[in-house]
Protein backbone atom coordinates (compact mmCIF):
# COMPACT_ATOMS: atom_id res chain seq x y z
CA UNK A 1 -13.95 2.94 -3.40
CA UNK A 2 -17.32 3.64 -2.00
CA UNK A 3 -17.28 -0.01 -1.02
CA UNK A 4 -14.59 0.86 1.49
CA UNK A 5 -17.18 3.50 3.23
CA UNK A 6 -16.33 3.52 6.99
CA UNK A 7 -13.11 1.27 6.76
CA UNK A 8 -9.87 2.33 8.32
CA UNK A 9 -7.01 1.51 6.07
CA UNK A 10 -3.25 1.64 6.68
CA UNK A 11 -1.63 3.19 3.82
CA UNK A 12 2.37 2.98 2.76
CA UNK A 13 3.02 6.99 2.74
CA UNK A 14 6.67 6.52 1.21
CA UNK A 15 5.23 4.64 -1.86
CA UNK A 16 2.60 7.40 -2.28
CA UNK A 17 4.78 10.12 -2.16
CA UNK A 18 7.29 8.50 -5.02
CA UNK A 19 4.24 7.96 -7.32
CA UNK A 20 2.96 11.49 -6.69
CA UNK A 21 6.45 13.01 -7.56
CA UNK A 22 6.63 10.90 -10.76
CA UNK A 23 3.09 11.68 -12.06
CA UNK A 24 1.95 14.91 -10.95
CA UNK A 25 3.56 17.41 -13.47
CA UNK A 26 2.63 20.16 -15.45
CA UNK A 27 3.61 22.37 -18.74
CA UNK A 28 4.73 21.56 -22.18
CA UNK A 29 7.90 20.26 -20.23
CA UNK A 30 6.13 18.19 -17.92
CA UNK A 31 8.14 19.46 -14.99
CA UNK A 32 7.16 18.65 -11.23
CA UNK A 33 4.95 21.39 -9.63
CA UNK A 34 7.11 23.98 -7.47
CA UNK A 35 6.70 27.06 -5.41
CA UNK A 36 8.26 30.40 -5.73
CA UNK A 37 11.35 29.31 -4.74
CA UNK A 38 11.65 26.25 -7.09
CA UNK A 39 10.92 23.28 -4.26
CA UNK A 40 8.76 20.74 -5.34
CA UNK A 41 5.15 20.72 -4.22
CA UNK A 42 3.85 17.62 -6.35
CA UNK A 43 4.16 15.30 -3.36
CA UNK A 44 1.95 17.79 -1.30
CA UNK A 45 -0.52 18.10 -4.24
CA UNK A 46 -0.88 14.42 -4.02
CA UNK A 47 -1.30 13.86 -0.81
CA UNK A 48 -3.54 16.80 -0.30
CA UNK A 49 -6.00 15.64 -3.32
CA UNK A 50 -5.99 11.85 -2.77
CA UNK A 51 -6.76 12.04 0.77
CA UNK A 52 -9.71 14.21 0.18
CA UNK A 53 -10.81 11.57 -2.44
CA UNK A 54 -10.54 8.84 0.18
CA UNK A 55 -12.29 10.73 2.75
CA UNK A 56 -15.09 11.86 0.14
CA UNK A 57 -15.78 8.17 -0.29
CA UNK A 58 -16.03 7.74 3.82
CA UNK A 59 -12.61 6.05 4.15
CA UNK A 60 -10.28 6.83 7.05
CA UNK A 61 -6.91 6.68 5.89
CA UNK A 62 -3.87 6.56 8.54
CA UNK A 63 -0.52 6.94 6.54
CA UNK A 64 2.62 4.98 7.52
CA UNK A 65 6.13 6.41 6.81
CA UNK A 66 9.13 4.33 6.31
CA UNK A 67 11.70 3.93 9.32
CA UNK A 68 15.45 2.79 8.98
CA UNK A 69 15.42 0.19 5.99
CA UNK A 70 16.51 -3.52 7.36
CA UNK A 71 20.31 -4.30 7.02
CA UNK A 72 19.51 -6.66 4.44
CA UNK A 73 18.07 -4.01 2.18
CA UNK A 74 21.40 -2.52 1.81
CA UNK A 75 22.04 -4.33 -1.48
CA UNK A 76 18.81 -3.46 -3.09
CA UNK A 77 19.31 0.40 -2.16
CA UNK A 78 22.96 0.31 -3.63
CA UNK A 79 21.45 -1.26 -6.88
CA UNK A 80 18.88 1.88 -6.78
CA UNK A 81 21.53 4.37 -6.12
CA UNK A 82 23.83 3.15 -9.15
CA UNK A 83 20.36 2.80 -11.21
CA UNK A 84 19.64 6.38 -10.54
CA UNK A 85 23.35 7.57 -11.47
CA UNK A 86 22.88 6.19 -14.64
CA UNK A 87 19.46 7.55 -15.31
CA UNK A 88 20.96 10.85 -14.60
CA UNK A 89 23.88 10.38 -16.95
CA UNK A 90 21.08 9.35 -19.56
CA UNK A 91 19.07 12.23 -18.57
CA UNK A 92 21.94 14.86 -19.14
CA UNK A 93 22.55 13.36 -22.75
CA UNK A 94 18.79 13.59 -23.54
CA UNK A 95 18.63 17.08 -22.75
CA UNK A 96 21.75 17.96 -24.69
CA UNK A 97 20.00 16.13 -27.65
CA UNK A 98 16.80 17.65 -26.99
CA UNK A 99 14.89 14.29 -27.04
CA UNK A 100 11.78 15.07 -25.33
CA UNK A 101 10.48 11.34 -24.98
CA UNK A 102 13.89 10.43 -23.30
CA UNK A 103 13.92 13.37 -21.09
CA UNK A 104 10.50 12.54 -19.45
CA UNK A 105 11.72 8.60 -19.28
CA UNK A 106 14.90 9.45 -17.44
CA UNK A 107 13.59 12.36 -15.39
CA UNK A 108 11.11 9.44 -14.05
CA UNK A 109 13.91 7.36 -13.20
CA UNK A 110 16.03 10.05 -11.23
CA UNK A 111 13.12 10.43 -8.64
CA UNK A 112 13.50 9.91 -4.92
CA UNK A 113 11.95 11.14 -1.91
CA UNK A 114 13.90 13.50 0.48
CA UNK A 115 13.58 13.65 4.09
CA UNK A 116 12.01 17.40 3.83
CA UNK A 117 9.48 15.93 1.47
CA UNK A 118 8.36 13.27 4.12
CA UNK A 119 8.29 16.23 6.90
CA UNK A 120 6.24 18.46 4.73
CA UNK A 121 3.67 15.63 4.30
CA UNK A 122 3.66 14.75 7.89
CA UNK A 123 2.95 18.33 8.59
CA UNK A 124 0.09 18.65 5.75
CA UNK A 125 -1.55 15.51 7.32
CA UNK A 126 -1.34 16.84 10.82
CA UNK A 127 -3.10 20.25 9.77
CA UNK A 128 -5.66 17.92 7.76
CA UNK A 129 -6.70 16.04 10.80
CA UNK A 130 -5.60 12.65 9.46
CA UNK A 131 -3.12 10.53 11.85
CA UNK A 132 0.19 8.95 10.51
CA UNK A 133 2.55 6.47 11.84
CA UNK A 134 6.25 6.38 11.99
CA UNK A 135 7.45 3.01 11.41
CA UNK A 136 10.90 1.65 13.08
CA UNK A 137 11.32 -0.24 9.89
CA UNK A 138 9.71 -0.97 6.60
CA UNK A 139 6.03 0.69 6.43
CA UNK A 140 4.48 -2.07 4.80
CA UNK A 141 5.41 -4.31 7.66
CA UNK A 142 4.05 -1.85 10.40
CA UNK A 143 0.84 -1.61 8.21
CA UNK A 144 0.46 -5.46 8.07
CA UNK A 145 0.89 -5.41 12.09
CA UNK A 146 -1.64 -2.77 12.37
CA UNK A 147 -4.01 -4.98 10.16
CA UNK A 148 -3.42 -7.90 12.07
CA UNK A 149 -4.10 -6.20 15.22
CA UNK A 150 -7.40 -5.01 13.90
CA UNK A 151 -6.58 -1.62 14.11
CA UNK A 152 -7.47 -1.12 10.40
CA UNK A 153 -9.35 -3.05 8.03
CA UNK A 154 -6.46 -3.63 5.50
CA UNK A 155 -3.06 -2.23 4.06
CA UNK A 156 -3.10 0.03 1.06
CA UNK A 157 -0.24 -0.36 -0.76
CA UNK A 158 1.28 -1.37 -4.54
CA UNK A 159 4.17 -3.37 -2.70
CA UNK A 160 3.25 -7.10 -2.49
CA UNK A 161 5.56 -7.69 0.29
CA UNK A 162 2.70 -6.49 2.64
CA UNK A 163 1.16 -10.25 1.91
CA UNK A 164 4.60 -11.78 2.77
CA UNK A 165 4.51 -9.63 6.14
CA UNK A 166 1.28 -11.30 6.97
CA UNK A 167 -1.28 -8.30 6.24
CA UNK A 168 -4.48 -10.37 6.27
CA UNK A 169 -6.06 -7.99 3.63
CA UNK A 170 -4.16 -6.10 0.83
CA UNK A 171 -5.84 -3.02 -1.30
CA UNK A 172 -4.05 -2.12 -4.50
CA UNK A 173 -4.69 1.06 -6.77
CA UNK A 174 -6.33 3.00 -3.63
CA UNK A 175 -4.24 5.82 -4.34
CA UNK A 176 -3.88 5.72 -8.17
CA UNK A 177 -5.14 8.70 -9.89
CA UNK A 178 -8.83 8.80 -10.84
CA UNK A 179 -8.15 9.62 -14.52
CA UNK A 180 -6.32 6.34 -14.84
CA UNK A 181 -9.42 4.53 -14.09
CA UNK A 182 -7.63 1.54 -12.64
CA UNK A 183 -9.89 -1.15 -10.81
CA UNK A 184 -9.25 -1.29 -7.00
CA UNK A 185 -8.14 -4.73 -6.07
CA UNK A 186 -8.53 -6.19 -2.71
CA UNK A 187 -6.48 -9.53 -1.68
CA UNK A 188 -7.44 -11.58 1.10
CA UNK A 189 -4.45 -13.51 2.27
CA UNK A 190 -6.13 -16.64 3.94
CA UNK A 191 -8.41 -17.05 0.64
CA UNK A 192 -5.30 -16.60 -1.59
CA UNK A 193 -3.37 -19.37 0.50
CA UNK A 194 -6.18 -21.83 0.24
CA UNK A 195 -6.12 -21.20 -3.72
CA UNK A 196 -2.58 -21.75 -3.96
CA UNK A 197 -2.76 -24.64 -1.56
CA UNK A 198 -0.03 -23.29 0.12
CA UNK A 199 1.03 -22.79 3.83
CA UNK A 200 2.30 -19.23 5.19
CA UNK A 201 5.88 -20.69 5.11
CA UNK A 202 5.65 -22.02 1.87
CA UNK A 203 4.35 -18.74 0.51
CA UNK A 204 7.04 -16.69 1.93
CA UNK A 205 9.57 -19.29 0.25
CA UNK A 206 7.90 -18.69 -2.93
CA UNK A 207 8.30 -14.64 -2.82
CA UNK A 208 11.87 -15.07 -1.87
CA UNK A 209 12.18 -17.56 -4.77
CA UNK A 210 10.60 -14.86 -7.25
CA UNK A 211 13.02 -12.18 -5.82
CA UNK A 212 12.26 -9.48 -3.13
CA UNK A 213 14.42 -6.41 -1.82
CA UNK A 214 16.29 -8.39 0.91
CA UNK A 215 18.28 -10.97 -0.98
CA UNK A 216 19.89 -11.69 -4.55
CA UNK A 217 17.82 -13.31 -7.23
CA UNK A 218 18.06 -16.66 -9.40
CA UNK A 219 18.42 -15.50 -13.08
CA UNK A 220 16.01 -17.36 -15.21
CA UNK A 221 13.55 -18.29 -12.36
CA UNK A 222 10.13 -16.61 -12.93
CA UNK A 223 6.53 -17.23 -11.35
CA UNK A 224 5.71 -20.38 -12.91
CA UNK A 225 8.83 -21.81 -12.09
CA UNK A 226 9.36 -20.60 -8.76
CA UNK A 227 5.46 -22.00 -8.07
CA UNK A 228 6.25 -25.71 -9.42
CA UNK A 229 9.47 -25.76 -7.42
CA UNK A 230 7.88 -24.74 -4.09
CA UNK A 231 4.82 -26.84 -4.79
CA UNK A 232 6.92 -29.94 -5.61
CA UNK A 233 9.81 -29.62 -3.00
CA UNK A 234 7.72 -27.33 -0.27
CA UNK A 235 10.95 -25.48 0.83
CA UNK A 236 13.26 -22.99 -0.86
CA UNK A 237 16.12 -25.08 0.67
CA UNK A 238 15.06 -28.32 -0.70
CA UNK A 239 14.28 -26.40 -4.23
CA UNK A 240 17.57 -25.22 -4.38
CA UNK A 241 19.00 -28.78 -4.39
CA UNK A 242 17.38 -29.56 -7.09
CA UNK A 243 17.71 -26.74 -9.76
CA UNK A 244 19.84 -26.77 -12.52
CA UNK A 245 23.10 -24.62 -11.22
CA UNK A 246 24.23 -23.98 -14.83
CA UNK A 247 20.62 -23.11 -16.31
CA UNK A 248 19.76 -21.25 -13.32
CA UNK A 249 22.92 -19.50 -11.97
CA UNK A 250 23.08 -17.43 -8.57
CA UNK A 251 25.40 -16.56 -5.81
CA UNK A 252 24.72 -18.67 -2.80
CA UNK A 253 26.62 -16.01 -0.61
CA UNK A 254 24.24 -13.43 -2.07
CA UNK A 255 20.96 -15.27 -1.98
CA UNK A 256 20.50 -15.01 1.73
CA UNK A 257 16.82 -16.81 1.86
CA UNK A 258 17.04 -17.93 5.39
CA UNK A 259 17.65 -14.35 6.65
CA UNK A 260 14.90 -12.78 4.32
CA UNK A 261 12.52 -15.44 5.41
CA UNK A 262 13.32 -14.25 9.19
CA UNK A 263 12.99 -10.76 8.38
CA UNK A 264 9.55 -11.53 6.74
CA UNK A 265 8.29 -13.72 9.88
CA UNK A 266 9.73 -11.05 12.53
CA UNK A 267 10.25 -7.68 11.19
CA UNK A 268 10.47 -4.56 12.95
CA UNK A 269 7.37 -2.78 13.56
CA UNK A 270 5.53 -0.37 15.62
CA UNK A 271 4.26 -1.10 18.87
CA UNK A 272 0.61 -1.45 17.73
CA UNK A 273 -0.92 -2.04 21.28
CA UNK A 274 0.01 1.59 21.95
CA UNK A 275 -1.24 3.35 18.78
CA UNK A 276 -4.01 5.51 19.51
CA UNK A 277 -5.66 6.63 15.98
CA UNK A 278 -7.43 9.73 15.99
CA UNK A 279 -9.44 11.83 12.81
CA UNK A 280 -9.52 15.38 14.04
CA UNK A 281 -11.05 18.68 12.83
CA UNK A 282 -8.78 20.17 10.12
CA UNK A 283 -6.67 23.22 11.30
CA UNK A 284 -8.30 25.86 8.48
CA UNK A 285 -5.96 28.82 9.40
CA UNK A 286 -2.76 26.38 9.60
CA UNK A 287 -3.60 24.68 6.38
CA UNK A 288 -4.23 28.41 4.38
CA UNK A 289 -0.81 29.51 6.13
CA UNK A 290 0.97 26.24 4.93
CA UNK A 291 -0.43 25.53 1.55
CA UNK A 292 -1.20 29.18 0.31
CA UNK A 293 1.05 31.58 1.91
CA UNK A 294 4.21 29.19 2.16
CA UNK A 295 3.62 26.79 -1.00
CA UNK A 296 1.63 28.97 -3.45
CA UNK A 297 -1.26 27.19 -3.58
CA UNK A 298 -4.78 28.50 -5.11
CA UNK A 299 -6.34 29.77 -1.92
CA UNK A 300 -9.80 28.98 -3.49
CA UNK A 301 -9.03 25.13 -4.03
CA UNK A 302 -7.47 24.77 -0.53
CA UNK A 303 -10.81 26.13 0.98
CA UNK A 304 -12.80 23.89 -0.85
CA UNK A 305 -10.46 21.37 0.23
CA UNK A 306 -11.16 22.32 3.72
CA UNK A 307 -14.78 22.36 3.30
CA UNK A 308 -14.55 18.71 2.05
CA UNK A 309 -12.41 17.71 5.10
CA UNK A 310 -15.10 19.23 7.22
CA UNK A 311 -18.10 17.55 5.52
CA UNK A 312 -16.45 13.90 5.50
CA UNK A 313 -15.68 14.54 9.25
CA UNK A 314 -19.52 14.93 9.85
CA UNK A 315 -20.32 11.99 7.64
CA UNK A 316 -17.57 10.00 9.54
CA UNK A 317 -20.15 9.04 12.49
CA UNK A 318 -22.26 7.01 10.21
CA UNK A 319 -21.92 2.95 10.53
CA UNK A 320 -21.60 0.53 8.03
CA UNK A 321 -24.45 -1.70 8.16
CA UNK A 322 -22.54 -4.91 9.23
CA UNK A 323 -21.32 -2.90 12.35
CA UNK A 324 -25.20 -3.69 13.55
CA UNK A 325 -24.84 -7.71 13.54
CA UNK A 326 -22.57 -9.92 15.08
CA UNK A 327 -21.40 -13.39 13.63
CA UNK A 328 -21.92 -15.89 16.21
CA UNK A 329 -19.26 -18.75 15.85
CA UNK A 330 -20.55 -22.12 15.07
CA UNK A 331 -23.95 -20.97 13.89
CA UNK A 332 -23.27 -20.13 10.12
CA UNK A 333 -25.18 -22.39 7.47
CA UNK A 334 -24.93 -22.76 3.80
CA UNK A 335 -27.44 -21.33 1.49
CA UNK A 336 -29.25 -24.46 0.92
CA UNK A 337 -29.66 -25.38 4.64
CA UNK A 338 -30.94 -21.97 5.33
CA UNK A 339 -33.49 -22.19 2.45
CA UNK A 340 -34.54 -25.54 3.68
CA UNK A 341 -34.75 -24.03 7.27
CA UNK A 342 -36.98 -21.12 5.67
CA UNK A 343 -39.35 -23.46 3.92
CA UNK A 344 -39.90 -25.79 7.10
CA UNK A 345 -40.76 -22.80 9.14
CA UNK A 346 -43.41 -21.36 6.77
CA UNK A 347 -45.27 -24.62 6.75
CA UNK A 348 -47.74 -25.29 9.16
CA UNK A 349 -47.97 -28.72 11.25
CA UNK A 350 -50.85 -29.31 8.87
CA UNK A 351 -48.81 -29.09 6.01
CA UNK A 352 -50.40 -25.99 5.07
CA UNK A 353 -48.66 -22.77 3.90
CA UNK A 354 -48.70 -19.69 6.54
CA UNK A 355 -48.98 -16.31 5.11
CA UNK A 356 -46.39 -13.91 6.50
């Protein structure tokens, strides 16, 4: 994580909250953390602790919250709702049978993030002095736009759609729990496309063929098959003409690949030209009132968190070494050329080495 010192990173807040509510539990029955009134606080605990961890390492996070989902996502959201309803029925049966393993499994499948939980996290971030952005549509699309505009270094999310939305860089596992020991992965889109030998349009078609949130899927087509089809036929439209419809059945009316491709190329995003990102001093009194008095957090832990925020803010004035240098276009040389030039410059006109 320290490799990202001094970096501004746009983080998909909605995915983080979902992860926090699933993962942050306590007690023998592994229930979510709650306040005195029984309201869940796992999302606040996760947002507070993970943000502190980022800032301890000199990272400047900016969280991006989902707006209204695209119309094309309606089918996927309906499927999720159905799966959640099925999980709730399974959970009830597991509780009746007192099956601990099944209870934990189905509890996780019934999780969703409420408007109130989103609002509470925005309030927390404001008190911590950390900026956030409300996207008009998908959070990862606005994260990608912010990265492309140079407002931030990269997009931080587990959702690979960020690459399909053309984020130049994607960072995964940045918000993972430290105890899980997952390696942080940075993906450079330009280098990935070069390695895949694909254009951006071909990459978009590949992602849609693999299955995305905005259209139906083709049963039986996995990563290798999808990759081979796009490499061979170049477009998803041409690939569909050549697949065996009996072996790979799909509903043409449900598989709206043209609309999905257009959404990836022209998503609804925040106006990045008007965004002003500011990391400010934490509101100490406000944090103590919100987290300790209202939500029942341990006052000593919150106070320690405030001190970490203040320390991170002081360290935030330091610059990355690369910020002191400028890359001059057309002046790059490969290692061999640079070595030859260095050797030549260290030799005198008489062919004798000059000590330096």
